[in-house]
PDB file of N, CA and C in Angstrom:
ATOM      1  N   MET A   1     223.384 127.918 162.394  1.00  0.00           N
ATOM      2  CA  MET A   1     223.369 129.458 161.741  1.00  0.00           C
ATOM      3  C   MET A   1     221.928 129.893 162.901  1.00  0.00           C
ATOM      4  N   ALA A   2     220.845 129.033 162.333  1.00  0.00           N
ATOM      5  CA  ALA A   2     219.526 129.104 162.854  1.00  0.00           C
ATOM      6  C   ALA A   2     218.799 128.419 164.036  1.00  0.00           C
ATOM      7  N   TRP A   3     218.152 129.262 165.151  1.00  0.00           N
ATOM      8  CA  TRP A   3     217.454 128.465 166.419  1.00  0.00           C
ATOM      9  C   TRP A   3     216.181 128.464 166.174  1.00  0.00           C
ATOM     10  N   LEU A   4     215.350 127.621 166.458  1.00  0.00           N
ATOM     11  CA  LEU A   4     214.025 127.730 166.636  1.00  0.00           C
ATOM     12  C   LEU A   4     213.719 126.960 167.912  1.00  0.00           C
ATOM     13  N   ARG A   5     213.375 128.001 169.342  1.00  0.00           N
ATOM     14  CA  ARG A   5     213.150 127.271 170.039  1.00  0.00           C
ATOM     15  C   ARG A   5     211.535 127.302 170.704  1.00  0.00           C
ATOM     16  N   ILE A   6     210.912 126.405 171.083  1.00  0.00           N
ATOM     17  CA  ILE A   6     209.531 126.377 171.362  1.00  0.00           C
ATOM     18  C   ILE A   6     209.560 125.766 172.560  1.00  0.00           C
ATOM     19  N   ALA A   7     208.251 126.589 173.622  1.00  0.00           N
ATOM     20  CA  ALA A   7     208.001 126.009 174.805  1.00  0.00           C
ATOM     21  C   ALA A   7     206.345 125.930 174.945  1.00  0.00           C
ATOM     22  N   ALA A   8     205.915 124.796 174.842  1.00  0.00           N
ATOM     23  CA  ALA A   8     204.624 124.466 175.191  1.00  0.00           C
ATOM     24  C   ALA A   8     204.246 123.655 176.168  1.00  0.00           C
ATOM     25  N   PRO A   9     204.361 124.097 177.542  1.00  0.00           N
ATOM     26  CA  PRO A   9     204.012 123.219 178.482  1.00  0.00           C
ATOM     27  C   PRO A   9     202.451 122.842 178.704  1.00  0.00           C
ATOM     28  N   ARG A  10     202.526 121.665 178.796  1.00  0.00           N
ATOM     29  CA  ARG A  10     200.790 121.390 179.021  1.00  0.00           C
ATOM     30  C   ARG A  10     200.106 122.157 180.056  1.00  0.00           C
ATOM     31  N   GLY A  11     198.741 122.461 179.230  1.00  0.00           N
ATOM     32  CA  GLY A  11     197.791 123.539 179.821  1.00  0.00           C
ATOM     33  C   GLY A  11     198.451 125.387 179.728  1.00  0.00           C
ATOM     34  N   ALA A  12     199.294 125.296 179.250  1.00  0.00           N
ATOM     35  CA  ALA A  12     199.515 126.991 179.104  1.00  0.00           C
ATOM     36  C   ALA A  12     199.794 127.227 177.669  1.00  0.00           C
ATOM     37  N   THR A  13     199.987 128.230 177.243  1.00  0.00           N
ATOM     38  CA  THR A  13     200.008 129.021 176.051  1.00  0.00           C
ATOM     39  C   THR A  13     201.481 128.903 175.352  1.00  0.00           C
ATOM     40  N   PRO A  14     201.564 128.234 173.976  1.00  0.00           N
ATOM     41  CA  PRO A  14     202.758 128.095 173.657  1.00  0.00           C
ATOM     42  C   PRO A  14     203.320 129.547 173.111  1.00  0.00           C
ATOM     43  N   THR A  15     204.833 129.043 173.238  1.00  0.00           N
ATOM     44  CA  THR A  15     205.316 130.466 172.749  1.00  0.00           C
ATOM     45  C   THR A  15     206.892 130.067 171.866  1.00  0.00           C
ATOM     46  N   ALA A  16     207.251 130.596 171.116  1.00  0.00           N
ATOM     47  CA  ALA A  16     208.409 130.163 169.925  1.00  0.00           C
ATOM     48  C   ALA A  16     209.369 131.288 169.992  1.00  0.00           C
ATOM     49  N   THR A  17     210.116 131.315 169.762  1.00  0.00           N
ATOM     50  CA  THR A  17     211.434 132.400 169.233  1.00  0.00           C
ATOM     51  C   THR A  17     212.195 131.572 168.029  1.00  0.00           C
ATOM     52  N   SER A  18     212.278 132.563 167.061  1.00  0.00           N
ATOM     53  CA  SER A  18     213.321 131.921 165.905  1.00  0.00           C
ATOM     54  C   SER A  18     214.405 132.988 165.699  1.00  0.00           C
ATOM     55  N   LYS A  19     215.684 132.662 165.794  1.00  0.00           N
ATOM     56  CA  LYS A  19     216.807 133.408 165.863  1.00  0.00           C
ATOM     57  C   LYS A  19     217.838 133.004 164.834  1.00  0.00           C
ATOM     58  N   CYS A  20     218.718 133.846 163.932  1.00  0.00           N
ATOM     59  CA  CYS A  20     219.705 133.474 162.996  1.00  0.00           C
ATOM     60  C   CYS A  20     220.887 134.580 163.350  1.00  0.00           C
ATOM     61  N   LEU A  21     222.019 133.856 162.890  1.00  0.00           N
ATOM     62  CA  LEU A  21     223.006 134.770 163.066  1.00  0.00           C
ATOM     63  C   LEU A  21     223.068 135.992 161.982  1.00  0.00           C
ATOM     64  N   CYS A  22     222.207 135.937 161.387  1.00  0.00           N
ATOM     65  CA  CYS A  22     222.056 137.087 159.992  1.00  0.00           C
ATOM     66  C   CYS A  22     221.347 138.061 160.351  1.00  0.00           C
ATOM     67  N   GLY A  23     220.890 138.074 161.821  1.00  0.00           N
ATOM     68  CA  GLY A  23     219.891 138.825 162.587  1.00  0.00           C
ATOM     69  C   GLY A  23     218.549 138.570 162.779  1.00  0.00           C
ATOM     70  N   TRP A  24     217.906 137.783 161.902  1.00  0.00           N
ATOM     71  CA  TRP A  24     216.503 137.491 161.997  1.00  0.00           C
ATOM     72  C   TRP A  24     216.151 136.919 163.522  1.00  0.00           C
ATOM     73  N   ASP A  25     214.971 137.869 164.003  1.00  0.00           N
ATOM     74  CA  ASP A  25     214.783 137.481 165.414  1.00  0.00           C
ATOM     75  C   ASP A  25     213.395 138.089 165.405  1.00  0.00           C
ATOM     76  N   ARG A  26     212.309 136.708 165.723  1.00  0.00           N
ATOM     77  CA  ARG A  26     211.229 136.776 165.699  1.00  0.00           C
ATOM     78  C   ARG A  26     210.522 136.134 166.718  1.00  0.00           C
ATOM     79  N   SER A  27     209.346 136.305 167.502  1.00  0.00           N
ATOM     80  CA  SER A  27     208.834 135.668 168.257  1.00  0.00           C
ATOM     81  C   SER A  27     207.345 135.276 168.449  1.00  0.00           C
ATOM     82  N   ALA A  28     206.622 134.276 168.892  1.00  0.00           N
ATOM     83  CA  ALA A  28     205.519 134.504 168.953  1.00  0.00           C
ATOM     84  C   ALA A  28     204.618 133.733 170.261  1.00  0.00           C
ATOM     85  N   VAL A  29     203.553 134.443 170.107  1.00  0.00           N
ATOM     86  CA  VAL A  29     202.665 133.480 171.157  1.00  0.00           C
ATOM     87  C   VAL A  29     201.273 133.247 170.833  1.00  0.00           C
ATOM     88  N   GLY A  30     201.059 131.671 171.404  1.00  0.00           N
ATOM     89  CA  GLY A  30     199.870 131.509 170.726  1.00  0.00           C
ATOM     90  C   GLY A  30     199.719 130.160 169.918  1.00  0.00           C
ATOM     91  N   HIS A  31     199.072 129.302 169.670  1.00  0.00           N
ATOM     92  CA  HIS A  31     198.940 128.446 168.670  1.00  0.00           C
ATOM     93  C   HIS A  31     199.250 128.718 167.562  1.00  0.00           C
ATOM     94  N   ARG A  32     198.080 129.528 167.105  1.00  0.00           N
ATOM     95  CA  ARG A  32     198.143 129.837 165.563  1.00  0.00           C
ATOM     96  C   ARG A  32     199.588 130.591 164.984  1.00  0.00           C
ATOM     97  N   LYS A  33     199.755 131.878 165.695  1.00  0.00           N
ATOM     98  CA  LYS A  33     201.388 132.294 165.794  1.00  0.00           C
ATOM     99  C   LYS A  33     202.464 131.650 165.970  1.00  0.00           C
ATOM    100  N   VAL A  34     202.788 130.489 166.906  1.00  0.00           N
ATOM    101  CA  VAL A  34     203.612 129.891 166.893  1.00  0.00           C
ATOM    102  C   VAL A  34     203.413 128.785 165.450  1.00  0.00           C
ATOM    103  N   LEU A  35     202.637 128.304 165.358  1.00  0.00           N
ATOM    104  CA  LEU A  35     202.392 127.305 163.999  1.00  0.00           C
ATOM    105  C   LEU A  35     202.962 128.274 162.946  1.00  0.00           C
ATOM    106  N   ALA A  36     202.536 129.461 162.725  1.00  0.00           N
ATOM    107  CA  ALA A  36     202.970 130.580 161.633  1.00  0.00           C
ATOM    108  C   ALA A  36     204.614 130.608 161.664  1.00  0.00           C
ATOM    109  N   LEU A  37     205.075 130.831 162.870  1.00  0.00           N
ATOM    110  CA  LEU A  37     206.442 131.182 162.862  1.00  0.00           C
ATOM    111  C   LEU A  37     207.356 129.873 162.701  1.00  0.00           C
ATOM    112  N   ILE A  38     206.572 128.703 162.638  1.00  0.00           N
ATOM    113  CA  ILE A  38     207.503 127.598 162.511  1.00  0.00           C
ATOM    114  C   ILE A  38     207.916 127.448 160.718  1.00  0.00           C
ATOM    115  N   ASP A  39     206.493 127.803 160.084  1.00  0.00           N
ATOM    116  CA  ASP A  39     206.484 127.497 158.739  1.00  0.00           C
ATOM    117  C   ASP A  39     207.653 129.153 158.391  1.00  0.00           C
ATOM    118  N   ASP A  40     207.550 130.511 158.675  1.00  0.00           N
ATOM    119  CA  ASP A  40     208.605 131.415 158.532  1.00  0.00           C
ATOM    120  C   ASP A  40     209.911 130.736 158.752  1.00  0.00           C
ATOM    121  N   HIS A  41     209.829 130.309 159.798  1.00  0.00           N
ATOM    122  CA  HIS A  41     211.473 129.552 160.591  1.00  0.00           C
ATOM    123  C   HIS A  41     212.127 128.809 159.322  1.00  0.00           C
ATOM    124  N   ALA A  42     211.351 127.860 158.646  1.00  0.00           N
ATOM    125  CA  ALA A  42     211.748 127.143 157.559  1.00  0.00           C
ATOM    126  C   ALA A  42     211.706 127.843 156.223  1.00  0.00           C
ATOM    127  N   ALA A  43     211.257 128.929 156.146  1.00  0.00           N
ATOM    128  CA  ALA A  43     211.294 130.090 154.733  1.00  0.00           C
ATOM    129  C   ALA A  43     212.419 130.541 155.212  1.00  0.00           C
ATOM    130  N   HIS A  44     212.692 130.948 156.306  1.00  0.00           N
ATOM    131  CA  HIS A  44     213.968 131.766 156.539  1.00  0.00           C
ATOM    132  C   HIS A  44     215.144 131.163 155.986  1.00  0.00           C
ATOM    133  N   ARG A  45     215.250 129.754 156.550  1.00  0.00           N
ATOM    134  CA  ARG A  45     216.477 128.943 155.789  1.00  0.00           C
ATOM    135  C   ARG A  45     216.505 128.719 154.497  1.00  0.00           C
ATOM    136  N   ASP A  46     215.935 128.832 153.846  1.00  0.00           N
ATOM    137  CA  ASP A  46     216.047 128.852 152.118  1.00  0.00           C
ATOM    138  C   ASP A  46     216.265 130.016 151.884  1.00  0.00           C
ATOM    139  N   THR A  47     216.020 130.981 152.676  1.00  0.00           N
ATOM    140  CA  THR A  47     216.517 132.663 152.101  1.00  0.00           C
ATOM    141  C   THR A  47     217.352 133.247 152.717  1.00  0.00           C
ATOM    142  N   CYS A  48     218.009 132.656 153.891  1.00  0.00           N
ATOM    143  CA  CYS A  48     219.036 133.537 154.476  1.00  0.00           C
ATOM    144  C   CYS A  48     220.584 133.529 154.013  1.00  0.00           C
ATOM    145  N   PRO A  49     220.751 134.853 153.895  1.00  0.00           N
ATOM    146  CA  PRO A  49     222.056 135.175 153.224  1.00  0.00           C
ATOM    147  C   PRO A  49     223.364 134.619 153.659  1.00  0.00           C
ATOM    148  N   LEU A  50     223.348 133.960 155.090  1.00  0.00           N
ATOM    149  CA  LEU A  50     224.356 133.064 155.252  1.00  0.00           C
ATOM    150  C   LEU A  50     224.327 132.042 155.058  1.00  0.00           C
ATOM    151  N   ARG A  51     223.046 131.217 154.725  1.00  0.00           N
ATOM    152  CA  ARG A  51     223.374 130.069 153.941  1.00  0.00           C
ATOM    153  C   ARG A  51     223.161 130.020 152.015  1.00  0.00           C
ATOM    154  N   SER A  52     223.084 130.906 151.902  1.00  0.00           N
ATOM    155  CA  SER A  52     223.323 131.300 150.319  1.00  0.00           C
ATOM    156  C   SER A  52     224.679 131.070 149.811  1.00  0.00           C
ATOM    157  N   PHE A  53     224.862 130.335 148.584  1.00  0.00           N
ATOM    158  CA  PHE A  53     225.935 130.166 148.345  1.00  0.00           C
ATOM    159  C   PHE A  53     226.682 131.431 147.430  1.00  0.00           C
ATOM    160  N   GLN A  54     227.569 131.823 147.664  1.00  0.00           N
ATOM    161  CA  GLN A  54     228.222 132.827 146.596  1.00  0.00           C
ATOM    162  C   GLN A  54     228.504 132.242 145.248  1.00  0.00           C
ATOM    163  N   GLU A  55     228.454 133.214 144.155  1.00  0.00           N
ATOM    164  CA  GLU A  55     228.571 132.613 143.085  1.00  0.00           C
ATOM    165  C   GLU A  55     230.423 132.800 143.174  1.00  0.00           C
ATOM    166  N   GLY A  56     230.706 131.964 142.264  1.00  0.00           N
ATOM    167  CA  GLY A  56     232.421 131.911 142.236  1.00  0.00           C
ATOM    168  C   GLY A  56     233.362 131.564 143.464  1.00  0.00           C
ATOM    169  N   ARG A  57     232.308 131.428 144.591  1.00  0.00           N
ATOM    170  CA  ARG A  57     233.170 131.267 145.863  1.00  0.00           C
ATOM    171  C   ARG A  57     234.070 129.533 145.659  1.00  0.00           C
ATOM    172  N   ALA A  58     235.091 129.236 146.116  1.00  0.00           N
ATOM    173  CA  ALA A  58     235.813 128.286 146.259  1.00  0.00           C
ATOM    174  C   ALA A  58     235.129 127.510 146.842  1.00  0.00           C
ATOM    175  N   ALA A  59     235.209 126.056 146.628  1.00  0.00           N
ATOM    176  CA  ALA A  59     235.040 125.025 147.946  1.00  0.00           C
ATOM    177  C   ALA A  59     235.897 125.021 148.900  1.00  0.00           C
ATOM    178  N   ALA A  60     235.711 124.721 150.214  1.00  0.00           N
ATOM    179  CA  ALA A  60     236.343 124.600 151.087  1.00  0.00           C
ATOM    180  C   ALA A  60     236.873 123.567 151.309  1.00  0.00           C
TER     181      ALA A  60
END
């Protein structure tokens, strides 16, 4: 449901994109911002409405 794409070629500025089916769409350029996006992506996985279990939902 969520994808994190990181491009960090040797000697170039790293970039990253975090996307999710729920509409989450973030990007970052630069070492510090990419590291922060990695943390945000991990946090989003815990709070994504598509990953949350609905109360009373029957098991598949």
